[in-house]
C-alpha atoms as a PDB file:
ATOM      1  CA  MET A   1     -21.607  -0.927 -16.735  1.00  0.00           C
ATOM      2  CA  LYS A   2     -23.204  -3.700 -14.882  1.00  0.00           C
ATOM      3  CA  ILE A   3     -21.345  -5.770 -12.463  1.00  0.00           C
ATOM      4  CA  ALA A   4     -21.612  -9.229 -10.897  1.00  0.00           C
ATOM      5  CA  TYR A   5     -19.891  -8.949  -7.582  1.00  0.00           C
ATOM      6  CA  PHE A   6     -18.440 -11.635  -5.247  1.00  0.00           C
ATOM      7  CA  GLY A   7     -17.006 -10.958  -2.008  1.00  0.00           C
ATOM      8  CA  LEU A   8     -17.257  -8.766   1.242  1.00  0.00           C
ATOM      9  CA  PRO A   9     -20.172  -6.409   1.639  1.00  0.00           C
ATOM     10  CA  LEU A  10     -17.962  -3.134   1.774  1.00  0.00           C
ATOM     11  CA  GLY A  11     -16.753  -3.563  -1.604  1.00  0.00           C
ATOM     12  CA  ALA A  12     -20.203  -3.897  -3.051  1.00  0.00           C
ATOM     13  CA  LEU A  13     -21.447  -0.822  -1.359  1.00  0.00           C
ATOM     14  CA  LEU A  14     -18.442   1.259  -2.305  1.00  0.00           C
ATOM     15  CA  LEU A  15     -18.615   0.199  -5.992  1.00  0.00           C
ATOM     16  CA  GLU A  16     -22.419   1.052  -6.090  1.00  0.00           C
ATOM     17  CA  ARG A  17     -21.599   4.482  -4.537  1.00  0.00           C
ATOM     18  CA  ASP A  18     -19.159   5.082  -7.350  1.00  0.00           C
ATOM     19  CA  GLY A  19     -22.094   4.696  -9.823  1.00  0.00           C
ATOM     20  CA  HIS A  20     -21.779   1.253 -10.936  1.00  0.00           C
ATOM     21  CA  GLU A  21     -24.965  -0.933 -11.309  1.00  0.00           C
ATOM     22  CA  LEU A  22     -24.448  -4.205  -9.440  1.00  0.00           C
ATOM     23  CA  GLY A  23     -26.829  -6.800 -11.154  1.00  0.00           C
ATOM     24  CA  MET A  24     -26.004  -9.638  -8.524  1.00  0.00           C
ATOM     25  CA  VAL A  25     -24.107  -9.391  -5.350  1.00  0.00           C
ATOM     26  CA  ALA A  26     -22.689 -12.742  -3.616  1.00  0.00           C
ATOM     27  CA  LEU A  27     -21.314 -12.395  -0.148  1.00  0.00           C
ATOM     28  CA  SER A  28     -18.518 -14.619   1.061  1.00  0.00           C
ATOM     29  CA  ARG A  29     -18.951 -13.891   4.791  1.00  0.00           C
ATOM     30  CA  LEU A  30     -22.023 -13.044   7.090  1.00  0.00           C
ATOM     31  CA  ASP A  31     -20.094 -11.454   9.866  1.00  0.00           C
ATOM     32  CA  ALA A  32     -18.440  -8.744   7.847  1.00  0.00           C
ATOM     33  CA  VAL A  33     -18.828  -4.992   8.051  1.00  0.00           C
ATOM     34  CA  GLY A  34     -21.686  -3.614   5.931  1.00  0.00           C
ATOM     35  CA  LEU A  35     -23.846  -6.899   5.951  1.00  0.00           C
ATOM     36  CA  TRP A  36     -27.095  -5.117   7.163  1.00  0.00           C
ATOM     37  CA  ARG A  37     -26.558  -2.165   4.912  1.00  0.00           C
ATOM     38  CA  ALA A  38     -25.947  -4.610   1.938  1.00  0.00           C
ATOM     39  CA  ARG A  39     -29.080  -6.495   2.836  1.00  0.00           C
ATOM     40  CA  ARG A  40     -31.219  -3.242   2.712  1.00  0.00           C
ATOM     41  CA  ARG A  41     -29.468  -1.986  -0.276  1.00  0.00           C
ATOM     42  CA  PHE A  42     -29.337  -4.819  -2.692  1.00  0.00           C
ATOM     43  CA  GLY A  43     -32.494  -6.819  -1.627  1.00  0.00           C
ATOM     44  CA  PRO A  44     -33.350  -9.708  -3.977  1.00  0.00           C
ATOM     45  CA  ARG A  45     -30.022  -9.021  -5.917  1.00  0.00           C
ATOM     46  CA  LEU A  46     -28.096 -10.199  -2.699  1.00  0.00           C
ATOM     47  CA  LEU A  47     -27.026 -13.823  -2.396  1.00  0.00           C
ATOM     48  CA  GLU A  48     -25.465 -15.039   0.951  1.00  0.00           C
ATOM     49  CA  ARG A  49     -22.726 -17.529   0.605  1.00  0.00           C
ATOM     50  CA  PRO A  50     -24.148 -19.225  -2.613  1.00  0.00           C
ATOM     51  CA  ARG A  51     -22.515 -22.469  -3.950  1.00  0.00           C
ATOM     52  CA  VAL A  52     -20.425 -21.354  -6.917  1.00  0.00           C
ATOM     53  CA  GLU A  53     -21.029 -24.814  -8.681  1.00  0.00           C
ATOM     54  CA  ASP A  54     -24.493 -24.475  -8.545  1.00  0.00           C
ATOM     55  CA  PRO A  55     -25.969 -24.193 -12.070  1.00  0.00           C
ATOM     56  CA  ALA A  56     -28.724 -21.983 -10.797  1.00  0.00           C
ATOM     57  CA  LEU A  57     -26.136 -19.388  -9.809  1.00  0.00           C
ATOM     58  CA  LEU A  58     -24.711 -19.526 -13.418  1.00  0.00           C
ATOM     59  CA  ALA A  59     -28.258 -18.942 -14.821  1.00  0.00           C
ATOM     60  CA  ARG A  60     -28.865 -16.083 -12.350  1.00  0.00           C
ATOM     61  CA  LEU A  61     -25.685 -14.373 -13.238  1.00  0.00           C
ATOM     62  CA  LYS A  62     -26.474 -14.570 -16.915  1.00  0.00           C
ATOM     63  CA  ASP A  63     -29.922 -13.223 -16.243  1.00  0.00           C
ATOM     64  CA  SER A  64     -28.502 -10.175 -14.372  1.00  0.00           C
ATOM     65  CA  GLY A  65     -26.969  -8.987 -17.669  1.00  0.00           C
ATOM     66  CA  ALA A  66     -23.630  -8.399 -15.788  1.00  0.00           C
ATOM     67  CA  GLU A  67     -20.789  -7.182 -18.235  1.00  0.00           C
ATOM     68  CA  LEU A  68     -17.885  -7.789 -15.725  1.00  0.00           C
ATOM     69  CA  LEU A  69     -17.418 -10.069 -12.737  1.00  0.00           C
ATOM     70  CA  VAL A  70     -15.582  -8.434  -9.729  1.00  0.00           C
ATOM     71  CA  SER A  71     -14.226 -10.273  -6.802  1.00  0.00           C
ATOM     72  CA  TRP A  72     -12.973  -8.815  -3.609  1.00  0.00           C
ATOM     73  CA  PHE A  73     -12.001 -11.306  -0.833  1.00  0.00           C
ATOM     74  CA  TRP A  74     -14.170 -14.081  -2.237  1.00  0.00           C
ATOM     75  CA  THR A  75     -12.849 -17.092  -0.448  1.00  0.00           C
ATOM     76  CA  THR A  76     -13.119 -19.956  -2.798  1.00  0.00           C
ATOM     77  CA  ARG A  77     -12.184 -20.660  -6.398  1.00  0.00           C
ATOM     78  CA  LEU A  78     -14.625 -19.123  -9.014  1.00  0.00           C
ATOM     79  CA  PRO A  79     -15.389 -21.417 -11.808  1.00  0.00           C
ATOM     80  CA  MET A  80     -14.389 -19.968 -15.225  1.00  0.00           C
ATOM     81  CA  THR A  81     -17.935 -20.731 -16.359  1.00  0.00           C
ATOM     82  CA  LEU A  82     -19.052 -17.854 -14.208  1.00  0.00           C
ATOM     83  CA  VAL A  83     -16.016 -15.481 -15.379  1.00  0.00           C
ATOM     84  CA  ASP A  84     -16.689 -16.408 -18.991  1.00  0.00           C
ATOM     85  CA  ALA A  85     -20.437 -15.644 -18.619  1.00  0.00           C
ATOM     86  CA  CYS A  86     -19.545 -11.897 -18.459  1.00  0.00           C
ATOM     87  CA  PRO A  87     -18.368 -10.303 -21.676  1.00  0.00           C
ATOM     88  CA  ARG A  88     -15.652  -8.504 -20.034  1.00  0.00           C
ATOM     89  CA  GLY A  89     -14.338 -11.349 -17.999  1.00  0.00           C
ATOM     90  CA  GLY A  90     -13.424 -11.004 -14.419  1.00  0.00           C
ATOM     91  CA  VAL A  91     -11.135  -9.067 -12.128  1.00  0.00           C
ATOM     92  CA  GLY A  92     -10.009  -9.319  -8.476  1.00  0.00           C
ATOM     93  CA  VAL A  93      -7.561  -8.014  -6.152  1.00  0.00           C
ATOM     94  CA  HIS A  94      -4.921 -10.080  -4.214  1.00  0.00           C
ATOM     95  CA  PRO A  95      -3.085  -8.729  -0.995  1.00  0.00           C
ATOM     96  CA  SER A  96       0.400  -9.093  -2.353  1.00  0.00           C
ATOM     97  CA  LEU A  97       2.569  -7.929  -5.063  1.00  0.00           C
ATOM     98  CA  LEU A  98       2.030 -10.854  -7.528  1.00  0.00           C
ATOM     99  CA  PRO A  99       3.488 -13.183  -8.527  1.00  0.00           C
ATOM    100  CA  ARG A 100       5.127 -13.126  -4.989  1.00  0.00           C
ATOM    101  CA  HIS A 101       2.913 -14.822  -2.440  1.00  0.00           C
ATOM    102  CA  ARG A 102       0.215 -16.487  -4.491  1.00  0.00           C
ATOM    103  CA  GLY A 103      -2.137 -18.148  -2.352  1.00  0.00           C
ATOM    104  CA  PRO A 104      -4.615 -17.771   0.649  1.00  0.00           C
ATOM    105  CA  ASP A 105      -2.223 -16.417   3.347  1.00  0.00           C
ATOM    106  CA  PRO A 106       0.301 -13.789   1.846  1.00  0.00           C
ATOM    107  CA  TYR A 107       0.344 -11.841   5.109  1.00  0.00           C
ATOM    108  CA  PHE A 108       2.120 -14.571   7.050  1.00  0.00           C
ATOM    109  CA  TRP A 109       4.626 -15.361   4.124  1.00  0.00           C
ATOM    110  CA  ALA A 110       5.453 -11.628   3.533  1.00  0.00           C
ATOM    111  CA  ILE A 111       6.364 -11.216   7.290  1.00  0.00           C
ATOM    112  CA  ASP A 112       7.854 -14.743   7.940  1.00  0.00           C
ATOM    113  CA  ALA A 113      10.101 -14.217   4.728  1.00  0.00           C
ATOM    114  CA  GLY A 114      11.344 -10.884   6.049  1.00  0.00           C
ATOM    115  CA  ASP A 115       9.852  -8.742   3.125  1.00  0.00           C
ATOM    116  CA  GLU A 116      10.250  -5.024   3.606  1.00  0.00           C
ATOM    117  CA  GLU A 117       7.576  -4.280   1.205  1.00  0.00           C
ATOM    118  CA  THR A 118       4.348  -5.904   0.026  1.00  0.00           C
ATOM    119  CA  GLY A 119       1.097  -4.481  -1.563  1.00  0.00           C
ATOM    120  CA  VAL A 120      -1.850  -5.403  -3.464  1.00  0.00           C
ATOM    121  CA  THR A 121      -2.320  -6.528  -7.064  1.00  0.00           C
ATOM    122  CA  ALA A 122      -5.400  -6.071  -9.294  1.00  0.00           C
ATOM    123  CA  HIS A 123      -5.594  -9.026 -11.767  1.00  0.00           C
ATOM    124  CA  ARG A 124      -7.500 -10.919 -14.068  1.00  0.00           C
ATOM    125  CA  ILE A 125      -9.223 -13.955 -12.611  1.00  0.00           C
ATOM    126  CA  ALA A 126      -7.847 -17.042 -14.267  1.00  0.00           C
ATOM    127  CA  GLU A 127      -8.313 -20.834 -13.923  1.00  0.00           C
ATOM    128  CA  GLU A 128      -5.518 -21.075 -11.309  1.00  0.00           C
ATOM    129  CA  TYR A 129      -5.499 -19.011  -8.238  1.00  0.00           C
ATOM    130  CA  ASP A 130      -3.669 -15.606  -8.484  1.00  0.00           C
ATOM    131  CA  THR A 131      -2.263 -16.231 -11.855  1.00  0.00           C
ATOM    132  CA  GLY A 132      -3.962 -13.846 -14.277  1.00  0.00           C
ATOM    133  CA  ALA A 133      -2.550 -10.992 -15.993  1.00  0.00           C
ATOM    134  CA  ILE A 134      -1.636  -8.007 -13.682  1.00  0.00           C
ATOM    135  CA  LEU A 135      -3.910  -4.920 -14.126  1.00  0.00           C
ATOM    136  CA  GLY A 136      -2.195  -2.645 -11.359  1.00  0.00           C
ATOM    137  CA  GLN A 137      -0.396  -2.760  -8.263  1.00  0.00           C
ATOM    138  CA  LYS A 138       0.015  -0.601  -5.124  1.00  0.00           C
ATOM    139  CA  ALA A 139       3.060  -1.163  -2.785  1.00  0.00           C
ATOM    140  CA  LEU A 140       3.148  -0.814   0.909  1.00  0.00           C
ATOM    141  CA  ARG A 141       6.184  -0.801   3.317  1.00  0.00           C
ATOM    142  CA  ILE A 142       5.754  -3.197   6.018  1.00  0.00           C
ATOM    143  CA  ASP A 143       6.104  -1.906   9.469  1.00  0.00           C
ATOM    144  CA  PRO A 144       8.483  -4.270  11.678  1.00  0.00           C
ATOM    145  CA  ARG A 145       6.051  -4.116  14.484  1.00  0.00           C
ATOM    146  CA  TRP A 146       3.195  -5.465  12.595  1.00  0.00           C
ATOM    147  CA  ASP A 147       1.784  -8.975  13.164  1.00  0.00           C
ATOM    148  CA  ALA A 148      -0.358 -10.533  10.396  1.00  0.00           C
ATOM    149  CA  TRP A 149      -3.541  -9.085  11.621  1.00  0.00           C
ATOM    150  CA  ARG A 150      -2.191  -5.541  11.363  1.00  0.00           C
ATOM    151  CA  LEU A 151      -0.600  -6.208   7.944  1.00  0.00           C
ATOM    152  CA  ALA A 152      -4.017  -7.434   6.797  1.00  0.00           C
ATOM    153  CA  ARG A 153      -5.702  -4.251   7.884  1.00  0.00           C
ATOM    154  CA  ALA A 154      -3.075  -2.093   6.401  1.00  0.00           C
ATOM    155  CA  LEU A 155      -3.714  -3.608   3.198  1.00  0.00           C
ATOM    156  CA  ASP A 156      -7.564  -3.124   3.129  1.00  0.00           C
ATOM    157  CA  ARG A 157      -7.524   0.408   1.992  1.00  0.00           C
ATOM    158  CA  PRO A 158      -5.131   0.267  -0.843  1.00  0.00           C
ATOM    159  CA  SER A 159      -6.918  -2.849  -1.723  1.00  0.00           C
ATOM    160  CA  LEU A 160     -10.258  -1.252  -2.007  1.00  0.00           C
ATOM    161  CA  ALA A 161      -8.848   1.935  -3.610  1.00  0.00           C
ATOM    162  CA  LEU A 162      -7.180  -0.260  -6.365  1.00  0.00           C
ATOM    163  CA  LEU A 163     -10.446  -2.281  -6.792  1.00  0.00           C
ATOM    164  CA  ARG A 164     -12.354   1.034  -7.392  1.00  0.00           C
ATOM    165  CA  GLU A 165      -9.901   2.539  -9.905  1.00  0.00           C
ATOM    166  CA  VAL A 166      -9.665  -0.656 -12.008  1.00  0.00           C
ATOM    167  CA  VAL A 167     -13.449  -0.993 -12.341  1.00  0.00           C
ATOM    168  CA  GLN A 168     -13.895   2.449 -13.062  1.00  0.00           C
ATOM    169  CA  ALA A 169     -11.319   2.326 -15.991  1.00  0.00           C
ATOM    170  CA  PHE A 170     -13.399  -0.686 -17.409  1.00  0.00           C
ATOM    171  CA  ALA A 171     -16.578   1.466 -17.016  1.00  0.00           C
ATOM    172  CA  ALA A 172     -14.932   4.382 -18.713  1.00  0.00           C
ATOM    173  CA  GLY A 173     -14.035   2.053 -21.641  1.00  0.00           C
ATOM    174  CA  ALA A 174     -10.396   2.257 -21.045  1.00  0.00           C
ATOM    175  CA  PRO A 175      -9.443  -0.921 -19.188  1.00  0.00           C
ATOM    176  CA  PRO A 176      -5.804  -0.974 -17.797  1.00  0.00           C
ATOM    177  CA  ALA A 177      -3.075  -2.548 -19.764  1.00  0.00           C
ATOM    178  CA  GLU A 178      -2.511  -6.089 -19.063  1.00  0.00           C
ATOM    179  CA  ARG A 179       0.859  -7.541 -17.970  1.00  0.00           C
ATOM    180  CA  SER A 180       1.633 -11.375 -17.818  1.00  0.00           C
ATOM    181  CA  GLN A 181       2.979 -12.455 -14.561  1.00  0.00           C
ATOM    182  CA  ASP A 182       6.586 -13.536 -14.643  1.00  0.00           C
ATOM    183  CA  GLU A 183       6.447 -17.261 -13.551  1.00  0.00           C
ATOM    184  CA  THR A 184      10.062 -17.394 -12.472  1.00  0.00           C
ATOM    185  CA  ALA A 185       9.421 -14.957  -9.706  1.00  0.00           C
ATOM    186  CA  ALA A 186       6.353 -16.711  -8.503  1.00  0.00           C
ATOM    187  CA  THR A 187       6.228 -17.987  -4.830  1.00  0.00           C
ATOM    188  CA  ALA A 188       3.390 -19.891  -2.934  1.00  0.00           C
ATOM    189  CA  ALA A 189       1.653 -18.723   0.208  1.00  0.00           C
ATOM    190  CA  PRO A 190      -0.452 -21.700   1.496  1.00  0.00           C
ATOM    191  CA  GLN A 191      -2.078 -21.714   4.899  1.00  0.00           C
ATOM    192  CA  PRO A 192       0.722 -22.609   7.439  1.00  0.00           C
ATOM    193  CA  GLY A 193       0.486 -25.738   9.286  1.00  0.00           C
ATOM    194  CA  ASP A 194       1.626 -26.921  12.774  1.00  0.00           C
ATOM    195  CA  ASP A 195       5.058 -27.697  11.384  1.00  0.00           C
ATOM    196  CA  LEU A 196       5.642 -24.011  10.862  1.00  0.00           C
ATOM    197  CA  ALA A 197       3.704 -22.978  13.812  1.00  0.00           C
ATOM    198  CA  GLU A 198       5.810 -24.873  16.322  1.00  0.00           C
ATOM    199  CA  LEU A 199       8.702 -22.542  17.296  1.00  0.00           C
ATOM    200  CA  ASP A 200      12.307 -23.832  16.354  1.00  0.00           C
ATOM    201  CA  CYS A 201      14.336 -22.457  19.033  1.00  0.00           C
ATOM    202  CA  ASN A 202      17.561 -23.321  17.418  1.00  0.00           C
ATOM    203  CA  ASP A 203      16.599 -20.698  14.762  1.00  0.00           C
ATOM    204  CA  THR A 204      18.041 -17.122  14.877  1.00  0.00           C
ATOM    205  CA  GLU A 205      16.444 -14.342  17.088  1.00  0.00           C
ATOM    206  CA  ALA A 206      15.244 -12.383  14.153  1.00  0.00           C
ATOM    207  CA  ARG A 207      13.552 -15.429  12.353  1.00  0.00           C
ATOM    208  CA  VAL A 208      11.913 -16.546  15.602  1.00  0.00           C
ATOM    209  CA  LEU A 209      10.491 -13.132  16.116  1.00  0.00           C
ATOM    210  CA  ARG A 210       9.187 -13.000  12.526  1.00  0.00           C
ATOM    211  CA  ARG A 211       7.687 -16.274  12.837  1.00  0.00           C
ATOM    212  CA  ILE A 212       5.756 -15.021  16.085  1.00  0.00           C
ATOM    213  CA  ARG A 213       4.494 -11.919  14.317  1.00  0.00           C
ATOM    214  CA  ALA A 214       3.535 -13.747  11.123  1.00  0.00           C
ATOM    215  CA  LEU A 215       1.288 -16.164  13.011  1.00  0.00           C
ATOM    216  CA  ALA A 216      -0.232 -13.744  15.578  1.00  0.00           C
ATOM    217  CA  PRO A 217      -3.112 -13.503  16.595  1.00  0.00           C
ATOM    218  CA  SER A 218      -4.269 -16.660  14.940  1.00  0.00           C
ATOM    219  CA  PRO A 219      -3.206 -19.558  15.020  1.00  0.00           C
ATOM    220  CA  GLY A 220      -0.134 -18.400  17.024  1.00  0.00           C
ATOM    221  CA  ALA A 221       3.517 -19.793  17.244  1.00  0.00           C
ATOM    222  CA  PHE A 222       3.755 -22.210  20.193  1.00  0.00           C
ATOM    223  CA  PHE A 223       6.255 -24.212  22.220  1.00  0.00           C
ATOM    224  CA  GLU A 224       5.789 -26.512  25.158  1.00  0.00           C
ATOM    225  CA  LEU A 225       6.759 -25.966  28.642  1.00  0.00           C
ATOM    226  CA  ASP A 226       6.233 -28.325  31.636  1.00  0.00           C
ATOM    227  CA  GLY A 227       3.444 -30.114  29.623  1.00  0.00           C
ATOM    228  CA  GLU A 228       1.784 -26.707  28.676  1.00  0.00           C
ATOM    229  CA  LEU A 229       1.409 -25.417  25.089  1.00  0.00           C
ATOM    230  CA  ILE A 230       2.455 -21.729  25.266  1.00  0.00           C
ATOM    231  CA  THR A 231       1.140 -19.907  22.148  1.00  0.00           C
ATOM    232  CA  VAL A 232       3.058 -16.766  21.885  1.00  0.00           C
ATOM    233  CA  LEU A 233       1.155 -13.663  20.585  1.00  0.00           C
ATOM    234  CA  GLU A 234       3.837 -11.129  21.295  1.00  0.00           C
ATOM    235  CA  ALA A 235       7.481 -11.028  21.849  1.00  0.00           C
ATOM    236  CA  GLY A 236      10.672  -8.922  21.444  1.00  0.00           C
ATOM    237  CA  PRO A 237      14.375  -9.029  21.981  1.00  0.00           C
ATOM    238  CA  ALA A 238      15.756  -9.821  25.486  1.00  0.00           C
ATOM    239  CA  PRO A 239      18.410  -7.573  26.305  1.00  0.00           C
ATOM    240  CA  ARG A 240      19.712  -9.788  29.155  1.00  0.00           C
ATOM    241  CA  TYR A 241      19.784 -13.599  29.430  1.00  0.00           C
ATOM    242  CA  PRO A 242      22.205 -16.088  31.174  1.00  0.00           C
ATOM    243  CA  GLY A 243      24.844 -17.299  28.711  1.00  0.00           C
ATOM    244  CA  ALA A 244      24.816 -20.831  29.848  1.00  0.00           C
ATOM    245  CA  LEU A 245      21.231 -21.344  28.644  1.00  0.00           C
ATOM    246  CA  ARG A 246      20.479 -23.815  25.942  1.00  0.00           C
ATOM    247  CA  PRO A 247      18.212 -23.065  22.877  1.00  0.00           C
ATOM    248  CA  GLY A 248      14.304 -23.784  24.067  1.00  0.00           C
ATOM    249  CA  GLU A 249      15.048 -23.055  27.940  1.00  0.00           C
ATOM    250  CA  VAL A 250      13.053 -20.442  29.536  1.00  0.00           C
ATOM    251  CA  VAL A 251      14.028 -18.333  32.845  1.00  0.00           C
ATOM    252  CA  VAL A 252      12.894 -15.248  34.444  1.00  0.00           C
ATOM    253  CA  VAL A 253      15.376 -12.304  34.287  1.00  0.00           C
ATOM    254  CA  GLY A 254      14.300  -9.179  35.925  1.00  0.00           C
ATOM    255  CA  GLY A 255      10.671 -10.205  36.298  1.00  0.00           C
ATOM    256  CA  ARG A 256      10.544 -11.120  32.667  1.00  0.00           C
ATOM    257  CA  ALA A 257      10.083 -14.514  30.799  1.00  0.00           C
ATOM    258  CA  VAL A 258      13.035 -15.083  28.519  1.00  0.00           C
ATOM    259  CA  LEU A 259      13.265 -17.903  25.881  1.00  0.00           C
ATOM    260  CA  ARG A 260      16.680 -18.648  24.524  1.00  0.00           C
ATOM    261  CA  VAL A 261      16.984 -19.196  20.938  1.00  0.00           C
ATOM    262  CA  GLY A 262      19.724 -19.897  18.432  1.00  0.00           C
ATOM    263  CA  ASP A 263      21.787 -16.655  18.561  1.00  0.00           C
ATOM    264  CA  GLY A 264      20.221 -14.790  21.418  1.00  0.00           C
ATOM    265  CA  ALA A 265      17.061 -14.698  23.510  1.00  0.00           C
ATOM    266  CA  ILE A 266      13.470 -13.251  23.173  1.00  0.00           C
ATOM    267  CA  GLU A 267      11.310 -11.806  25.814  1.00  0.00           C
ATOM    268  CA  LEU A 268       7.749 -13.380  26.086  1.00  0.00           C
ATOM    269  CA  LYS A 269       5.315 -10.414  26.297  1.00  0.00           C
ATOM    270  CA  ARG A 270       1.991 -12.047  25.641  1.00  0.00           C
ATOM    271  CA  ALA A 271       0.846 -15.670  25.189  1.00  0.00           C
ATOM    272  CA  GLU A 272      -2.284 -17.749  25.127  1.00  0.00           C
ATOM    273  CA  VAL A 273      -2.359 -20.695  27.485  1.00  0.00           C
ATOM    274  CA  ASP A 274      -5.453 -23.087  27.717  1.00  0.00           C
ATOM    275  CA  GLY A 275      -7.585 -20.383  26.026  1.00  0.00           C
ATOM    276  CA  GLU A 276      -6.614 -17.631  28.361  1.00  0.00           C
ATOM    277  CA  THR A 277      -4.496 -14.833  27.280  1.00  0.00           C
ATOM    278  CA  TRP A 278      -1.531 -14.139  29.777  1.00  0.00           C
ATOM    279  CA  ASP A 279       0.517 -10.961  29.931  1.00  0.00           C
ATOM    280  CA  GLY A 280       4.219 -10.776  30.496  1.00  0.00           C
ATOM    281  CA  PRO A 281       4.065 -10.722  34.389  1.00  0.00           C
ATOM    282  CA  ARG A 282       1.705 -13.917  34.529  1.00  0.00           C
ATOM    283  CA  ILE A 283       3.938 -15.723  31.938  1.00  0.00           C
ATOM    284  CA  ALA A 284       6.908 -15.029  34.156  1.00  0.00           C
ATOM    285  CA  ALA A 285       5.237 -16.340  37.163  1.00  0.00           C
ATOM    286  CA  PHE A 286       4.221 -19.535  35.490  1.00  0.00           C
ATOM    287  CA  VAL A 287       8.010 -19.814  34.393  1.00  0.00           C
ATOM    288  CA  GLN A 288       9.118 -19.293  38.006  1.00  0.00           C
ATOM    289  CA  ALA A 289       6.744 -21.923  39.338  1.00  0.00           C
ATOM    290  CA  VAL A 290       7.914 -24.467  36.901  1.00  0.00           C
ATOM    291  CA  ALA A 291      11.531 -23.764  37.811  1.00  0.00           C
ATOM    292  CA  VAL A 292      10.631 -24.137  41.596  1.00  0.00           C
ATOM    293  CA  ARG A 293       8.786 -27.371  40.854  1.00  0.00           C
ATOM    294  CA  GLY A 294      11.913 -28.649  39.083  1.00  0.00           C
ATOM    295  CA  ALA A 295      14.267 -27.670  41.816  1.00  0.00           C
ATOM    296  CA  GLU A 296      12.048 -29.229  44.377  1.00  0.00           C
ATOM    297  CA  MET A 297      12.140 -32.522  42.308  1.00  0.00           C
ATOM    298  CA  ASP A 298      15.846 -32.525  41.835  1.00  0.00           C
ATOM    299  CA  ALA A 299      16.226 -31.978  45.595  1.00  0.00           C
ATOM    300  CA  SER A 300      13.815 -35.015  46.274  1.00  0.00           C
ATOM    301  CA  LEU A 301      15.665 -37.178  43.694  1.00  0.00           C
ATOM    302  CA  ARG A 302      19.219 -36.331  45.342  1.00  0.00           C
ATOM    303  CA  GLY A 303      17.740 -36.886  48.852  1.00  0.00           C
ATOM    304  CA  GLY A 304      16.393 -40.364  47.679  1.00  0.00           C
ATOM    305  CA  ALA A 305      19.728 -41.293  46.169  1.00  0.00           C
ATOM    306  CA  ARG A 306      21.645 -40.990  49.663  1.00  0.00           C
END
């Protein structure tokens, strides 16, 4: 079975190793693992970040004789003209258990929502993102220590495995049974904006810690202290903190920076400030310096009032 492939180099290389003929290979990124091998392997069949609306791409796909369009981490919407040009249509794999978390950032939403489980879904490519019939799924339990980057990496292996299984089934003439998605269970997973990235210190400790993990390592969850944006990359529960603190206040307890939140406090273990990554002790030193400046200013104001 001849394939038109759209996505990252590694998927194309593995599908060819499985014995499939790739009539055309379109790559979505030029900084991904396997790029140089793909260039050597596919030669003139390789296209690097082509414009999917270009009529020449459609003509080239038709000329390739591809029967099935396969997408693995292609980053823009594929026009149905490309999909329909392949007699067997198109299939892709999404890193969530569809119809939950449809969209470009299911990693953030799975962690932020407190999901205990996520996974990958092979599906038909349809007009609207991530809405096509389900062809197969693999579930994965979310480790509560994972941030978004670690979750994405953990899903890579089952995603590739499912992709290869589904393509092999098509090649064997026994494609997987198709199951329509339950629209009543669908949730959206858009890219989070600054409104979600700014920490709500009135929220619960559990929700604040999930938000930090969900946004790490990029773009990161942030708050402001003494005019500086502190982008928190790693945090954990703080076992001790002054009870008189108000949500949003930061102090040093036992040499550790502690941020008060709605029903508890968190320890700031790693953060980014002005493009530099700070560890826990450096964050604590900054918080301590802010406290000293504040105390000196208060003393100066009291002295001036006499």
